[in-house]
N, C-alpha and C. Protein backbone atom coordinates (compact mmCIF):
# COMPACT_ATOMS: atom_id res chain seq x y z
N MET A 1 -10.01 -22.04 3.45
CA MET A 1 -9.66 -20.78 4.07
C MET A 1 -10.17 -19.65 3.18
N SER A 2 -10.73 -18.62 3.78
CA SER A 2 -11.19 -17.44 3.05
C SER A 2 -10.03 -16.54 2.70
N ARG A 3 -10.16 -15.85 1.60
CA ARG A 3 -9.13 -14.89 1.18
C ARG A 3 -9.79 -13.55 0.96
N LEU A 4 -9.07 -12.51 1.30
CA LEU A 4 -9.53 -11.15 1.08
C LEU A 4 -9.47 -10.83 -0.42
N VAL A 5 -10.53 -10.30 -0.93
CA VAL A 5 -10.53 -9.82 -2.31
C VAL A 5 -9.97 -8.41 -2.27
N HIS A 6 -8.87 -8.20 -2.97
CA HIS A 6 -8.19 -6.90 -2.90
C HIS A 6 -9.03 -5.80 -3.52
N PRO A 7 -9.36 -4.78 -2.71
CA PRO A 7 -10.20 -3.68 -3.18
C PRO A 7 -9.40 -2.57 -3.87
N PHE A 8 -8.55 -2.95 -4.80
CA PHE A 8 -7.76 -1.97 -5.55
C PHE A 8 -7.56 -2.50 -6.95
N ASP A 9 -7.09 -1.61 -7.83
CA ASP A 9 -6.84 -2.02 -9.20
C ASP A 9 -5.61 -1.31 -9.74
N ALA A 10 -5.34 -1.46 -11.00
CA ALA A 10 -4.13 -0.91 -11.62
C ALA A 10 -4.09 0.62 -11.59
N ALA A 11 -5.22 1.28 -11.37
CA ALA A 11 -5.25 2.75 -11.30
C ALA A 11 -4.65 3.26 -9.99
N ASP A 12 -4.55 2.40 -8.98
CA ASP A 12 -3.99 2.80 -7.69
C ASP A 12 -2.46 2.64 -7.71
N HIS A 13 -1.80 3.30 -6.76
CA HIS A 13 -0.33 3.21 -6.67
C HIS A 13 0.03 1.92 -5.95
N ILE A 14 0.74 1.03 -6.64
CA ILE A 14 1.12 -0.27 -6.08
C ILE A 14 2.64 -0.37 -6.10
N ASP A 15 3.22 -0.65 -4.92
CA ASP A 15 4.66 -0.78 -4.78
C ASP A 15 4.96 -2.12 -4.13
N GLY A 16 5.59 -3.00 -4.86
CA GLY A 16 5.93 -4.31 -4.32
C GLY A 16 5.47 -5.42 -5.24
N ARG A 17 5.85 -6.63 -4.88
CA ARG A 17 5.56 -7.79 -5.70
C ARG A 17 4.11 -8.23 -5.55
N PRO A 18 3.47 -8.64 -6.62
CA PRO A 18 2.09 -9.11 -6.53
C PRO A 18 1.93 -10.39 -5.71
N ASP A 19 3.02 -11.16 -5.57
CA ASP A 19 2.94 -12.39 -4.80
C ASP A 19 3.46 -12.23 -3.37
N ALA A 20 3.58 -10.99 -2.90
CA ALA A 20 4.05 -10.75 -1.53
C ALA A 20 3.10 -11.37 -0.52
N ALA A 21 3.64 -11.82 0.59
CA ALA A 21 2.83 -12.48 1.63
C ALA A 21 1.86 -11.52 2.29
N VAL A 22 2.22 -10.24 2.35
CA VAL A 22 1.39 -9.23 3.04
C VAL A 22 1.14 -8.07 2.08
N THR A 23 -0.10 -7.59 2.06
CA THR A 23 -0.44 -6.38 1.32
C THR A 23 -0.95 -5.35 2.30
N LEU A 24 -0.26 -4.22 2.37
CA LEU A 24 -0.65 -3.11 3.24
C LEU A 24 -1.36 -2.08 2.37
N ILE A 25 -2.63 -1.80 2.70
CA ILE A 25 -3.42 -0.87 1.90
C ILE A 25 -3.68 0.40 2.70
N GLU A 26 -3.33 1.54 2.13
CA GLU A 26 -3.64 2.83 2.74
C GLU A 26 -4.68 3.54 1.87
N TYR A 27 -5.77 3.93 2.49
CA TYR A 27 -6.78 4.72 1.81
C TYR A 27 -6.50 6.17 2.16
N GLY A 28 -6.22 6.98 1.15
CA GLY A 28 -5.83 8.35 1.44
C GLY A 28 -6.12 9.29 0.29
N ASP A 29 -5.55 10.47 0.43
CA ASP A 29 -5.75 11.55 -0.52
C ASP A 29 -4.40 12.21 -0.72
N TYR A 30 -4.04 12.50 -1.96
CA TYR A 30 -2.73 13.11 -2.24
C TYR A 30 -2.58 14.48 -1.58
N GLN A 31 -3.67 15.16 -1.27
CA GLN A 31 -3.59 16.48 -0.65
C GLN A 31 -3.67 16.43 0.87
N CYS A 32 -3.83 15.23 1.44
CA CYS A 32 -3.93 15.08 2.89
C CYS A 32 -2.54 15.21 3.52
N PRO A 33 -2.33 16.16 4.42
CA PRO A 33 -1.01 16.32 5.02
C PRO A 33 -0.59 15.13 5.88
N TYR A 34 -1.54 14.44 6.49
CA TYR A 34 -1.23 13.29 7.33
C TYR A 34 -0.78 12.10 6.48
N CYS A 35 -1.41 11.94 5.32
CA CYS A 35 -0.99 10.88 4.39
C CYS A 35 0.44 11.15 3.92
N GLY A 36 0.73 12.42 3.65
CA GLY A 36 2.07 12.80 3.24
C GLY A 36 3.11 12.53 4.30
N GLU A 37 2.76 12.72 5.56
CA GLU A 37 3.68 12.46 6.66
C GLU A 37 3.89 10.96 6.87
N ALA A 38 2.87 10.17 6.61
CA ALA A 38 2.97 8.72 6.80
C ALA A 38 3.77 8.04 5.70
N TYR A 39 3.77 8.62 4.52
CA TYR A 39 4.38 7.97 3.36
C TYR A 39 5.86 7.58 3.57
N PRO A 40 6.72 8.46 4.07
CA PRO A 40 8.13 8.05 4.24
C PRO A 40 8.29 6.88 5.22
N VAL A 41 7.45 6.83 6.23
CA VAL A 41 7.52 5.73 7.20
C VAL A 41 7.09 4.42 6.52
N LEU A 42 6.02 4.48 5.75
CA LEU A 42 5.55 3.29 5.04
C LEU A 42 6.57 2.81 4.02
N LYS A 43 7.25 3.73 3.35
CA LYS A 43 8.31 3.35 2.41
C LYS A 43 9.44 2.62 3.13
N GLN A 44 9.79 3.06 4.34
CA GLN A 44 10.83 2.40 5.12
C GLN A 44 10.40 0.97 5.48
N VAL A 45 9.14 0.80 5.83
CA VAL A 45 8.64 -0.54 6.17
C VAL A 45 8.73 -1.45 4.95
N VAL A 46 8.30 -0.95 3.80
CA VAL A 46 8.35 -1.73 2.57
C VAL A 46 9.79 -2.09 2.23
N ARG A 47 10.69 -1.14 2.36
CA ARG A 47 12.10 -1.37 2.06
C ARG A 47 12.70 -2.40 3.03
N ALA A 48 12.36 -2.28 4.31
CA ALA A 48 12.91 -3.17 5.33
C ALA A 48 12.43 -4.62 5.15
N LEU A 49 11.19 -4.78 4.71
CA LEU A 49 10.63 -6.12 4.56
C LEU A 49 10.85 -6.71 3.18
N GLY A 50 11.41 -5.93 2.29
CA GLY A 50 11.76 -6.43 0.97
C GLY A 50 10.56 -6.98 0.21
N GLY A 51 10.72 -8.13 -0.40
CA GLY A 51 9.68 -8.72 -1.23
C GLY A 51 8.55 -9.37 -0.46
N ARG A 52 8.60 -9.30 0.87
CA ARG A 52 7.54 -9.94 1.67
C ARG A 52 6.30 -9.08 1.83
N ILE A 53 6.37 -7.80 1.42
CA ILE A 53 5.24 -6.90 1.61
C ILE A 53 5.00 -6.09 0.33
N ARG A 54 3.76 -5.78 0.09
CA ARG A 54 3.37 -4.91 -1.03
C ARG A 54 2.56 -3.77 -0.41
N PHE A 55 2.82 -2.55 -0.86
CA PHE A 55 2.12 -1.37 -0.38
C PHE A 55 1.23 -0.83 -1.49
N VAL A 56 -0.03 -0.58 -1.15
CA VAL A 56 -0.98 -0.04 -2.12
C VAL A 56 -1.59 1.23 -1.55
N PHE A 57 -1.55 2.31 -2.33
CA PHE A 57 -2.18 3.57 -1.94
C PHE A 57 -3.43 3.73 -2.78
N VAL A 58 -4.58 3.67 -2.11
CA VAL A 58 -5.86 3.78 -2.79
C VAL A 58 -6.40 5.19 -2.54
N ILE A 59 -6.69 5.90 -3.60
CA ILE A 59 -7.18 7.27 -3.47
C ILE A 59 -8.64 7.24 -3.03
N SER A 60 -8.90 7.90 -1.90
CA SER A 60 -10.26 8.00 -1.39
C SER A 60 -11.05 8.96 -2.25
N HIS A 61 -12.29 8.63 -2.44
CA HIS A 61 -13.17 9.50 -3.24
C HIS A 61 -14.23 10.13 -2.36
């Protein structure tokens, strides 16, 4: 089975366990108003799913 190579590193914001079954990656910008609006919703998803999900915010360049 193929596995996705995670396109992020320790410089990105990572919330959750490294061994989580699911990794949700958001590519965004700290000054983007839409990213800011999405963040509370994504935090709720991470909280609701507990250790089963990891959230990574990758800063777009």
